[in-house]
Amino acid sequence: MPVILKTILLLTVSNVFMTFAWYAHLKNLNNKPWIIAALLSWGVALLEYLFQVPANRIGFTVLSLAQLKILQEVITLAVFVPFAVLYMQQPIKLDFLWAGLCLMGAVYFMFRT
């Protein structure tokens, strides 16, 4: 499997865990003390790191640090929008499109040769 594809897959899995760690408690644990939400989120975040650290180490063999960061941001938005709409029941907004277009500009500038 190509290094960039492996990096993208690992970062995507990492981002799914990260998104749930950061935001799912707003829906599922809003009636619990914040410390419970924080401890559970911390556990989920550990899973995120188990994918994110290898992804960045693998990706850094062929990508620059800036390219890795922009790739991470694009994946973050690609994971966050379905999460927000499908899981958190948030309305679809044009702002998601505008943010995506801005990130595509960032991708262009970071990956141009």
N, C-alpha and C. Protein backbone atom coordinates (compact mmCIF):
# COMPACT_ATOMS: atom_id res chain seq x y z
N MET A 1 0.85 -1.18 0.00
CA MET A 1 0.00 0.00 0.00
C MET A 1 0.90 1.25 0.00
N PRO A 2 0.61 2.23 -0.86
CA PRO A 2 1.43 3.44 -0.89
C PRO A 2 1.40 4.18 0.45
N VAL A 3 2.51 4.81 0.78
CA VAL A 3 2.66 5.50 2.06
C VAL A 3 1.57 6.56 2.26
N ILE A 4 1.29 7.33 1.24
CA ILE A 4 0.29 8.40 1.39
C ILE A 4 -1.08 7.80 1.66
N LEU A 5 -1.44 6.72 0.97
CA LEU A 5 -2.74 6.09 1.21
C LEU A 5 -2.81 5.52 2.63
N LYS A 6 -1.73 4.88 3.07
CA LYS A 6 -1.70 4.35 4.43
C LYS A 6 -1.85 5.49 5.45
N THR A 7 -1.18 6.60 5.19
CA THR A 7 -1.28 7.77 6.07
C THR A 7 -2.70 8.30 6.11
N ILE A 8 -3.33 8.42 4.96
CA ILE A 8 -4.70 8.92 4.89
C ILE A 8 -5.66 8.00 5.64
N LEU A 9 -5.51 6.71 5.46
CA LEU A 9 -6.41 5.76 6.15
C LEU A 9 -6.23 5.83 7.67
N LEU A 10 -4.99 5.86 8.12
CA LEU A 10 -4.74 5.93 9.57
C LEU A 10 -5.23 7.26 10.14
N LEU A 11 -5.01 8.35 9.42
CA LEU A 11 -5.49 9.65 9.90
C LEU A 11 -7.01 9.71 9.92
N THR A 12 -7.65 9.06 8.98
CA THR A 12 -9.12 9.04 8.95
C THR A 12 -9.66 8.29 10.16
N VAL A 13 -9.11 7.12 10.45
CA VAL A 13 -9.55 6.37 11.63
C VAL A 13 -9.27 7.19 12.89
N SER A 14 -8.11 7.79 12.95
CA SER A 14 -7.75 8.65 14.08
C SER A 14 -8.77 9.77 14.26
N ASN A 15 -9.16 10.39 13.16
CA ASN A 15 -10.10 11.51 13.23
C ASN A 15 -11.49 11.09 13.66
N VAL A 16 -11.90 9.89 13.31
CA VAL A 16 -13.19 9.41 13.79
C VAL A 16 -13.17 9.33 15.31
N PHE A 17 -12.12 8.72 15.85
CA PHE A 17 -12.01 8.65 17.31
C PHE A 17 -11.91 10.04 17.94
N MET A 18 -11.11 10.92 17.32
CA MET A 18 -10.94 12.27 17.86
C MET A 18 -12.27 13.03 17.89
N THR A 19 -13.01 12.93 16.81
CA THR A 19 -14.28 13.65 16.73
C THR A 19 -15.25 13.16 17.80
N PHE A 20 -15.31 11.85 18.00
CA PHE A 20 -16.17 11.33 19.06
C PHE A 20 -15.67 11.73 20.43
N ALA A 21 -14.35 11.72 20.63
CA ALA A 21 -13.80 12.11 21.92
C ALA A 21 -14.12 13.57 22.24
N TRP A 22 -14.05 14.43 21.25
CA TRP A 22 -14.23 15.85 21.48
C TRP A 22 -15.70 16.27 21.55
N TYR A 23 -16.58 15.60 20.80
CA TYR A 23 -17.93 16.13 20.66
C TYR A 23 -19.08 15.21 21.05
N ALA A 24 -18.89 13.89 21.03
CA ALA A 24 -20.01 12.99 21.29
C ALA A 24 -20.57 13.15 22.71
N HIS A 25 -19.73 13.53 23.66
CA HIS A 25 -20.20 13.71 25.03
C HIS A 25 -21.24 14.82 25.13
N LEU A 26 -21.25 15.74 24.17
CA LEU A 26 -22.25 16.82 24.18
C LEU A 26 -23.66 16.26 23.99
N LYS A 27 -23.74 15.15 23.27
CA LYS A 27 -25.03 14.51 23.03
C LYS A 27 -25.32 13.42 24.06
N ASN A 28 -24.32 12.62 24.37
CA ASN A 28 -24.54 11.42 25.17
C ASN A 28 -24.36 11.61 26.67
N LEU A 29 -23.54 12.56 27.07
CA LEU A 29 -23.22 12.70 28.49
C LEU A 29 -23.54 14.09 29.02
N ASN A 30 -24.44 14.80 28.38
CA ASN A 30 -24.71 16.18 28.80
C ASN A 30 -25.36 16.28 30.17
N ASN A 31 -25.88 15.17 30.69
CA ASN A 31 -26.47 15.19 32.03
C ASN A 31 -25.53 14.62 33.10
N LYS A 32 -24.30 14.32 32.71
CA LYS A 32 -23.30 13.79 33.64
C LYS A 32 -22.33 14.91 34.02
N PRO A 33 -21.66 14.77 35.14
CA PRO A 33 -20.64 15.77 35.49
C PRO A 33 -19.55 15.83 34.41
N TRP A 34 -18.98 17.02 34.24
CA TRP A 34 -17.99 17.20 33.18
C TRP A 34 -16.79 16.27 33.36
N ILE A 35 -16.44 15.91 34.58
CA ILE A 35 -15.27 15.07 34.81
C ILE A 35 -15.49 13.67 34.24
N ILE A 36 -16.72 13.19 34.29
CA ILE A 36 -17.05 11.88 33.69
C ILE A 36 -16.85 11.96 32.18
N ALA A 37 -17.40 13.01 31.59
CA ALA A 37 -17.24 13.21 30.14
C ALA A 37 -15.77 13.33 29.78
N ALA A 38 -15.01 14.06 30.59
CA ALA A 38 -13.58 14.26 30.30
C ALA A 38 -12.82 12.93 30.37
N LEU A 39 -13.09 12.13 31.39
CA LEU A 39 -12.38 10.86 31.53
C LEU A 39 -12.74 9.88 30.42
N LEU A 40 -14.02 9.81 30.06
CA LEU A 40 -14.42 8.94 28.95
C LEU A 40 -13.83 9.43 27.63
N SER A 41 -13.86 10.73 27.44
CA SER A 41 -13.28 11.31 26.21
C SER A 41 -11.78 11.05 26.14
N TRP A 42 -11.13 11.10 27.28
CA TRP A 42 -9.70 10.84 27.33
C TRP A 42 -9.40 9.41 26.90
N GLY A 43 -10.26 8.48 27.31
CA GLY A 43 -10.10 7.09 26.89
C GLY A 43 -10.24 6.93 25.39
N VAL A 44 -11.22 7.61 24.83
CA VAL A 44 -11.41 7.55 23.37
C VAL A 44 -10.25 8.23 22.66
N ALA A 45 -9.76 9.32 23.24
CA ALA A 45 -8.63 10.04 22.64
C ALA A 45 -7.36 9.17 22.61
N LEU A 46 -7.21 8.28 23.59
CA LEU A 46 -6.07 7.37 23.57
C LEU A 46 -6.12 6.52 22.30
N LEU A 47 -7.30 6.03 21.96
CA LEU A 47 -7.44 5.26 20.72
C LEU A 47 -7.06 6.11 19.51
N GLU A 48 -7.45 7.37 19.56
CA GLU A 48 -7.10 8.29 18.47
C GLU A 48 -5.59 8.36 18.31
N TYR A 49 -4.87 8.51 19.41
CA TYR A 49 -3.42 8.63 19.35
C TYR A 49 -2.75 7.36 18.84
N LEU A 50 -3.36 6.21 19.11
CA LEU A 50 -2.79 4.95 18.64
C LEU A 50 -2.81 4.84 17.11
N PHE A 51 -3.64 5.63 16.46
CA PHE A 51 -3.65 5.69 15.00
C PHE A 51 -2.94 6.94 14.47
N GLN A 52 -3.07 8.04 15.19
CA GLN A 52 -2.52 9.31 14.72
C GLN A 52 -0.99 9.32 14.75
N VAL A 53 -0.39 8.83 15.80
CA VAL A 53 1.08 8.86 15.90
C VAL A 53 1.73 8.03 14.80
N PRO A 54 1.29 6.78 14.58
CA PRO A 54 1.90 6.03 13.46
C PRO A 54 1.61 6.69 12.10
N ALA A 55 0.41 7.25 11.95
CA ALA A 55 0.09 7.91 10.68
C ALA A 55 1.07 9.03 10.39
N ASN A 56 1.34 9.87 11.38
CA ASN A 56 2.26 10.98 11.16
C ASN A 56 3.70 10.51 10.97
N ARG A 57 4.08 9.48 11.68
CA ARG A 57 5.44 8.96 11.52
C ARG A 57 5.63 8.36 10.13
N ILE A 58 4.62 7.63 9.66
CA ILE A 58 4.68 7.04 8.32
C ILE A 58 4.62 8.15 7.27
N GLY A 59 3.67 9.06 7.42
CA GLY A 59 3.50 10.13 6.44
C GLY A 59 4.70 11.04 6.33
N PHE A 60 5.41 11.26 7.44
CA PHE A 60 6.55 12.17 7.45
C PHE A 60 7.72 11.63 6.63
N THR A 61 7.66 10.35 6.23
CA THR A 61 8.72 9.80 5.39
C THR A 61 8.63 10.32 3.96
N VAL A 62 7.44 10.79 3.55
CA VAL A 62 7.28 11.29 2.17
C VAL A 62 6.63 12.67 2.10
N LEU A 63 6.07 13.15 3.20
CA LEU A 63 5.40 14.45 3.22
C LEU A 63 6.13 15.39 4.16
N SER A 64 6.02 16.68 3.88
CA SER A 64 6.57 17.67 4.81
C SER A 64 5.64 17.81 6.00
N LEU A 65 6.12 18.45 7.03
CA LEU A 65 5.29 18.70 8.21
C LEU A 65 4.05 19.52 7.85
N ALA A 66 4.23 20.55 7.03
CA ALA A 66 3.10 21.39 6.62
C ALA A 66 2.09 20.59 5.79
N GLN A 67 2.57 19.72 4.92
CA GLN A 67 1.67 18.87 4.14
C GLN A 67 0.88 17.93 5.03
N LEU A 68 1.54 17.35 6.03
CA LEU A 68 0.84 16.48 6.99
C LEU A 68 -0.27 17.25 7.71
N LYS A 69 0.02 18.48 8.12
CA LYS A 69 -0.96 19.27 8.86
C LYS A 69 -2.16 19.61 7.99
N ILE A 70 -1.93 20.02 6.77
CA ILE A 70 -3.05 20.36 5.87
C ILE A 70 -3.85 19.10 5.55
N LEU A 71 -3.18 17.98 5.32
CA LEU A 71 -3.88 16.72 5.10
C LEU A 71 -4.77 16.38 6.28
N GLN A 72 -4.25 16.57 7.49
CA GLN A 72 -5.01 16.33 8.72
C GLN A 72 -6.26 17.22 8.76
N GLU A 73 -6.12 18.48 8.41
CA GLU A 73 -7.25 19.41 8.45
C GLU A 73 -8.33 19.04 7.44
N VAL A 74 -7.92 18.61 6.25
CA VAL A 74 -8.89 18.19 5.24
C VAL A 74 -9.64 16.96 5.72
N ILE A 75 -8.93 16.00 6.28
CA ILE A 75 -9.57 14.79 6.80
C ILE A 75 -10.48 15.14 7.96
N THR A 76 -10.05 16.06 8.81
CA THR A 76 -10.87 16.48 9.94
C THR A 76 -12.22 17.01 9.47
N LEU A 77 -12.21 17.87 8.47
CA LEU A 77 -13.48 18.42 7.96
C LEU A 77 -14.31 17.32 7.28
N ALA A 78 -13.64 16.42 6.54
CA ALA A 78 -14.35 15.33 5.87
C ALA A 78 -15.02 14.39 6.87
N VAL A 79 -14.43 14.22 8.05
CA VAL A 79 -15.02 13.39 9.10
C VAL A 79 -16.05 14.19 9.89
N PHE A 80 -15.75 15.45 10.18
CA PHE A 80 -16.61 16.25 11.05
C PHE A 80 -17.98 16.54 10.43
N VAL A 81 -18.03 16.85 9.15
CA VAL A 81 -19.31 17.21 8.54
C VAL A 81 -20.32 16.07 8.62
N PRO A 82 -19.99 14.84 8.19
CA PRO A 82 -20.97 13.75 8.37
C PRO A 82 -21.31 13.50 9.83
N PHE A 83 -20.32 13.61 10.72
CA PHE A 83 -20.57 13.43 12.15
C PHE A 83 -21.59 14.46 12.64
N ALA A 84 -21.36 15.71 12.30
CA ALA A 84 -22.25 16.80 12.75
C ALA A 84 -23.66 16.62 12.22
N VAL A 85 -23.77 16.25 10.96
CA VAL A 85 -25.09 16.14 10.33
C VAL A 85 -25.79 14.85 10.73
N LEU A 86 -25.10 13.73 10.64
CA LEU A 86 -25.75 12.44 10.87
C LEU A 86 -25.86 12.07 12.35
N TYR A 87 -24.79 12.28 13.11
CA TYR A 87 -24.79 11.85 14.50
C TYR A 87 -25.34 12.92 15.44
N MET A 88 -24.90 14.14 15.24
CA MET A 88 -25.32 15.23 16.14
C MET A 88 -26.59 15.94 15.66
N GLN A 89 -27.10 15.52 14.50
CA GLN A 89 -28.35 16.06 13.96
C GLN A 89 -28.29 17.58 13.74
N GLN A 90 -27.15 18.07 13.31
CA GLN A 90 -26.99 19.49 13.00
C GLN A 90 -27.42 19.74 11.56
N PRO A 91 -27.93 20.92 11.26
CA PRO A 91 -28.34 21.19 9.87
C PRO A 91 -27.12 21.33 8.95
N ILE A 92 -27.31 20.93 7.71
CA ILE A 92 -26.27 21.14 6.70
C ILE A 92 -26.23 22.63 6.40
N LYS A 93 -25.02 23.18 6.35
CA LYS A 93 -24.85 24.61 6.11
C LYS A 93 -23.90 24.83 4.95
N LEU A 94 -24.12 25.92 4.24
CA LEU A 94 -23.18 26.29 3.18
C LEU A 94 -21.79 26.58 3.73
N ASP A 95 -21.71 26.91 5.00
CA ASP A 95 -20.41 27.18 5.62
C ASP A 95 -19.48 25.97 5.51
N PHE A 96 -20.04 24.76 5.52
CA PHE A 96 -19.21 23.57 5.35
C PHE A 96 -18.55 23.59 3.97
N LEU A 97 -19.31 23.99 2.96
CA LEU A 97 -18.76 24.08 1.61
C LEU A 97 -17.67 25.14 1.53
N TRP A 98 -17.93 26.31 2.10
CA TRP A 98 -16.94 27.39 2.04
C TRP A 98 -15.66 26.99 2.78
N ALA A 99 -15.81 26.35 3.93
CA ALA A 99 -14.64 25.88 4.67
C ALA A 99 -13.86 24.86 3.85
N GLY A 100 -14.59 23.97 3.20
CA GLY A 100 -13.94 22.97 2.35
C GLY A 100 -13.19 23.60 1.19
N LEU A 101 -13.78 24.62 0.59
CA LEU A 101 -13.10 25.31 -0.51
C LEU A 101 -11.83 26.02 -0.01
N CYS A 102 -11.90 26.61 1.15
CA CYS A 102 -10.71 27.25 1.73
C CYS A 102 -9.62 26.20 1.97
N LEU A 103 -10.00 25.04 2.47
CA LEU A 103 -9.02 23.98 2.70
C LEU A 103 -8.43 23.47 1.39
N MET A 104 -9.25 23.43 0.34
CA MET A 104 -8.72 23.01 -0.96
C MET A 104 -7.66 23.99 -1.44
N GLY A 105 -7.87 25.28 -1.17
CA GLY A 105 -6.84 26.26 -1.48
C GLY A 105 -5.57 25.99 -0.69
N ALA A 106 -5.71 25.66 0.58
CA ALA A 106 -4.55 25.33 1.41
C ALA A 106 -3.84 24.09 0.87
N VAL A 107 -4.60 23.10 0.44
CA VAL A 107 -4.01 21.89 -0.14
C VAL A 107 -3.20 22.27 -1.38
N TYR A 108 -3.77 23.09 -2.22
CA TYR A 108 -3.06 23.52 -3.44
C TYR A 108 -1.71 24.14 -3.09
N PHE A 109 -1.72 25.08 -2.16
CA PHE A 109 -0.47 25.78 -1.85
C PHE A 109 0.56 24.87 -1.16
N MET A 110 0.11 23.92 -0.36
CA MET A 110 1.05 23.05 0.35
C MET A 110 1.60 21.93 -0.54
N PHE A 111 0.83 21.51 -1.53
CA PHE A 111 1.25 20.36 -2.34
C PHE A 111 1.75 20.74 -3.73
N ARG A 112 1.73 22.01 -4.09
CA ARG A 112 2.22 22.39 -5.42
C ARG A 112 3.73 22.22 -5.45
N THR A 113 4.22 21.97 -6.64
CA THR A 113 5.67 21.77 -6.77
C THR A 113 6.31 22.84 -7.61
